């Protein structure tokens, strides 16, 4: 029997659903689309990574991004 994740991925493909990653800022900056065409599982995996939020990122590049743009996080949404 397929796992719940496999069933959801198959349903996304069957219905043509794709998702995009959007970086959102808490103030002063417009959201930025950073990835498109993902299945929901891949989008969720991206967002679960600690490097996808200024509050948990440790990578030097992300720390510099936070210094320049302020607090941010990556979220996902269905593409239309």
N, C-alpha and C. Protein backbone atom coordinates (compact mmCIF):
# COMPACT_ATOMS: atom_id res chain seq x y z
N UNK A 1 0.85 -1.18 0.00
CA UNK A 1 0.00 0.00 0.00
C UNK A 1 0.89 1.24 0.00
N UNK A 2 0.64 2.22 -0.88
CA UNK A 2 1.47 3.42 -0.95
C UNK A 2 1.35 4.26 0.32
N UNK A 3 2.42 4.94 0.66
CA UNK A 3 2.40 5.82 1.83
C UNK A 3 1.49 7.02 1.56
N UNK A 4 1.14 7.72 2.64
CA UNK A 4 0.32 8.92 2.49
C UNK A 4 1.02 9.95 1.61
N UNK A 5 2.33 10.10 1.77
CA UNK A 5 3.09 11.04 0.93
C UNK A 5 3.03 10.64 -0.54
N UNK A 6 3.17 9.35 -0.82
CA UNK A 6 3.12 8.88 -2.20
C UNK A 6 1.74 9.12 -2.80
N UNK A 7 0.69 8.89 -2.01
CA UNK A 7 -0.66 9.14 -2.51
C UNK A 7 -0.88 10.62 -2.78
N UNK A 8 -0.38 11.49 -1.89
CA UNK A 8 -0.54 12.94 -2.09
C UNK A 8 0.22 13.39 -3.34
N UNK A 9 1.44 12.89 -3.51
CA UNK A 9 2.24 13.25 -4.68
C UNK A 9 1.52 12.80 -5.96
N UNK A 10 0.97 11.60 -5.95
CA UNK A 10 0.24 11.09 -7.11
C UNK A 10 -0.99 11.94 -7.38
N UNK A 11 -1.68 12.37 -6.33
CA UNK A 11 -2.86 13.21 -6.50
C UNK A 11 -2.47 14.56 -7.08
N UNK A 12 -1.36 15.13 -6.62
CA UNK A 12 -0.87 16.40 -7.18
C UNK A 12 -0.61 16.26 -8.66
N UNK A 13 0.06 15.17 -9.05
CA UNK A 13 0.37 14.96 -10.47
C UNK A 13 -0.91 14.75 -11.28
N UNK A 14 -1.85 14.00 -10.74
CA UNK A 14 -3.09 13.72 -11.45
C UNK A 14 -3.89 14.99 -11.69
N UNK A 15 -3.90 15.88 -10.72
CA UNK A 15 -4.68 17.11 -10.83
C UNK A 15 -3.85 18.28 -11.36
N UNK A 16 -2.61 18.03 -11.69
CA UNK A 16 -1.77 19.07 -12.26
C UNK A 16 -1.37 20.16 -11.29
N UNK A 17 -1.42 19.86 -10.00
CA UNK A 17 -1.06 20.87 -9.00
C UNK A 17 0.46 20.99 -8.89
N UNK A 18 0.92 22.21 -8.90
CA UNK A 18 2.33 22.49 -8.61
C UNK A 18 2.38 23.61 -7.59
N UNK A 19 3.51 23.71 -6.95
CA UNK A 19 3.68 24.66 -5.85
C UNK A 19 4.93 25.50 -6.08
N UNK A 20 4.94 26.67 -5.47
CA UNK A 20 6.11 27.54 -5.56
C UNK A 20 6.53 27.95 -4.16
N UNK A 21 7.82 28.22 -4.05
CA UNK A 21 8.40 28.71 -2.79
C UNK A 21 8.44 30.22 -2.88
N UNK A 22 7.95 30.88 -1.84
CA UNK A 22 7.94 32.34 -1.79
C UNK A 22 8.67 32.79 -0.54
N UNK A 23 9.67 33.62 -0.72
CA UNK A 23 10.38 34.21 0.41
C UNK A 23 9.63 35.47 0.83
N UNK A 24 9.21 35.51 2.07
CA UNK A 24 8.44 36.64 2.60
C UNK A 24 9.26 37.35 3.67
N UNK A 25 9.12 38.64 3.67
CA UNK A 25 9.84 39.49 4.62
C UNK A 25 8.85 40.11 5.59
N UNK A 26 9.30 40.36 6.80
CA UNK A 26 8.40 40.88 7.81
C UNK A 26 8.10 42.36 7.61
N UNK A 27 9.01 43.09 6.95
CA UNK A 27 8.72 44.49 6.71
C UNK A 27 9.63 45.06 5.62
N UNK A 28 9.04 45.94 4.81
CA UNK A 28 9.82 46.73 3.87
C UNK A 28 10.23 46.09 2.56
N UNK A 29 9.89 44.83 2.32
CA UNK A 29 10.30 44.18 1.07
C UNK A 29 9.16 43.33 0.53
N UNK A 30 9.06 43.32 -0.78
CA UNK A 30 8.04 42.51 -1.45
C UNK A 30 8.44 41.03 -1.40
N UNK A 31 7.45 40.14 -1.37
CA UNK A 31 7.76 38.71 -1.44
C UNK A 31 8.49 38.39 -2.75
N UNK A 32 9.32 37.36 -2.70
CA UNK A 32 10.11 36.97 -3.88
C UNK A 32 9.92 35.47 -4.13
N UNK A 33 9.50 35.11 -5.34
CA UNK A 33 9.37 33.71 -5.71
C UNK A 33 10.78 33.16 -5.97
N UNK A 34 11.12 32.07 -5.27
CA UNK A 34 12.48 31.54 -5.42
C UNK A 34 12.52 30.14 -6.04
N UNK A 35 11.35 29.49 -6.19
CA UNK A 35 11.29 28.19 -6.87
C UNK A 35 9.87 27.96 -7.35
N UNK A 36 9.73 27.29 -8.50
CA UNK A 36 8.40 27.00 -9.04
C UNK A 36 8.35 25.57 -9.55
N UNK A 37 7.14 25.10 -9.81
CA UNK A 37 6.95 23.79 -10.44
C UNK A 37 7.21 22.60 -9.54
N UNK A 38 7.09 22.78 -8.22
CA UNK A 38 7.38 21.71 -7.28
C UNK A 38 6.13 20.92 -6.92
N UNK A 39 6.31 19.66 -6.59
CA UNK A 39 5.21 18.91 -5.98
C UNK A 39 5.13 19.36 -4.52
N UNK A 40 4.00 19.09 -3.87
CA UNK A 40 3.82 19.57 -2.51
C UNK A 40 4.86 18.99 -1.55
N UNK A 41 5.24 17.74 -1.73
CA UNK A 41 6.23 17.13 -0.85
C UNK A 41 7.57 17.86 -0.93
N UNK A 42 8.00 18.20 -2.14
CA UNK A 42 9.27 18.91 -2.30
C UNK A 42 9.19 20.31 -1.72
N UNK A 43 8.05 20.97 -1.90
CA UNK A 43 7.89 22.30 -1.34
C UNK A 43 7.93 22.26 0.19
N UNK A 44 7.25 21.28 0.76
CA UNK A 44 7.26 21.13 2.21
C UNK A 44 8.65 20.82 2.73
N UNK A 45 9.37 19.92 2.06
CA UNK A 45 10.73 19.60 2.49
C UNK A 45 11.62 20.84 2.47
N UNK A 46 11.48 21.66 1.45
CA UNK A 46 12.26 22.90 1.39
C UNK A 46 11.98 23.75 2.63
N UNK A 47 10.71 23.93 2.94
CA UNK A 47 10.33 24.82 4.03
C UNK A 47 10.68 24.27 5.41
N UNK A 48 10.86 22.97 5.52
CA UNK A 48 11.26 22.37 6.80
C UNK A 48 12.75 22.52 7.09
N UNK A 49 13.51 22.92 6.09
CA UNK A 49 14.95 23.12 6.26
C UNK A 49 15.20 24.35 7.14
N UNK A 50 16.00 24.24 8.19
CA UNK A 50 16.26 25.40 9.05
C UNK A 50 16.88 26.60 8.31
N UNK A 51 17.50 26.36 7.18
CA UNK A 51 18.11 27.46 6.42
C UNK A 51 17.07 28.30 5.67
N UNK A 52 15.79 27.97 5.79
CA UNK A 52 14.76 28.71 5.06
C UNK A 52 14.02 29.71 5.95
N UNK A 53 14.64 30.10 7.04
CA UNK A 53 14.08 31.11 7.93
C UNK A 53 15.23 31.88 8.59
N UNK A 54 15.07 33.18 8.66
CA UNK A 54 16.13 33.99 9.28
C UNK A 54 16.31 33.65 10.76
N UNK A 55 15.28 33.12 11.40
CA UNK A 55 15.39 32.83 12.83
C UNK A 55 16.17 31.55 13.13
N UNK A 56 16.38 30.71 12.11
CA UNK A 56 17.09 29.45 12.35
C UNK A 56 18.29 29.24 11.42
N UNK A 57 18.46 30.09 10.44
CA UNK A 57 19.55 29.92 9.46
C UNK A 57 20.91 30.16 10.11
N UNK A 58 21.89 29.32 9.74
CA UNK A 58 23.25 29.45 10.25
C UNK A 58 24.26 29.69 9.13
N UNK A 59 23.86 29.46 7.89
CA UNK A 59 24.73 29.64 6.73
C UNK A 59 25.11 31.12 6.60
N UNK A 60 26.36 31.39 6.32
CA UNK A 60 26.85 32.77 6.24
C UNK A 60 26.07 33.60 5.21
N UNK A 61 25.75 33.00 4.08
CA UNK A 61 25.00 33.73 3.05
C UNK A 61 23.62 34.15 3.56
N UNK A 62 22.96 33.26 4.29
CA UNK A 62 21.64 33.58 4.83
C UNK A 62 21.71 34.61 5.96
N UNK A 63 22.76 34.55 6.74
CA UNK A 63 22.96 35.55 7.79
C UNK A 63 23.17 36.93 7.16
N UNK A 64 23.95 37.00 6.10
CA UNK A 64 24.15 38.27 5.39
C UNK A 64 22.84 38.76 4.78
N UNK A 65 22.05 37.83 4.25
CA UNK A 65 20.75 38.19 3.67
C UNK A 65 19.87 38.83 4.75
N UNK A 66 19.90 38.28 5.95
CA UNK A 66 19.12 38.81 7.06
C UNK A 66 19.61 40.20 7.45
N UNK A 67 20.91 40.40 7.46
CA UNK A 67 21.45 41.72 7.80
C UNK A 67 21.00 42.77 6.79
N UNK A 68 20.91 42.38 5.52
CA UNK A 68 20.54 43.32 4.47
C UNK A 68 19.03 43.55 4.40
N UNK A 69 18.23 42.49 4.58
CA UNK A 69 16.78 42.58 4.34
C UNK A 69 15.92 42.47 5.59
N UNK A 70 16.49 42.11 6.72
CA UNK A 70 15.70 41.91 7.92
C UNK A 70 15.12 40.50 7.97
N UNK A 71 14.28 40.24 8.95
CA UNK A 71 13.72 38.89 9.13
C UNK A 71 12.91 38.43 7.92
N UNK A 72 12.99 37.13 7.63
CA UNK A 72 12.33 36.54 6.47
C UNK A 72 12.07 35.06 6.74
N UNK A 73 11.24 34.47 5.89
CA UNK A 73 11.01 33.03 5.92
C UNK A 73 10.53 32.60 4.55
N UNK A 74 10.71 31.32 4.24
CA UNK A 74 10.21 30.74 3.00
C UNK A 74 8.94 29.96 3.32
N UNK A 75 7.94 30.17 2.48
CA UNK A 75 6.69 29.43 2.57
C UNK A 75 6.35 28.89 1.19
N UNK A 76 5.33 28.06 1.12
CA UNK A 76 4.94 27.58 -0.19
C UNK A 76 3.45 27.77 -0.41
N UNK A 77 3.09 27.87 -1.69
CA UNK A 77 1.69 28.03 -2.06
C UNK A 77 1.45 27.35 -3.40
N UNK A 78 0.20 27.00 -3.63
CA UNK A 78 -0.16 26.37 -4.90
C UNK A 78 -0.05 27.39 -6.02
N UNK A 79 0.52 26.96 -7.14
CA UNK A 79 0.60 27.83 -8.32
C UNK A 79 -0.76 27.82 -9.00
N UNK A 80 -1.08 28.91 -9.65
CA UNK A 80 -2.36 29.01 -10.36
C UNK A 80 -2.14 29.11 -11.83
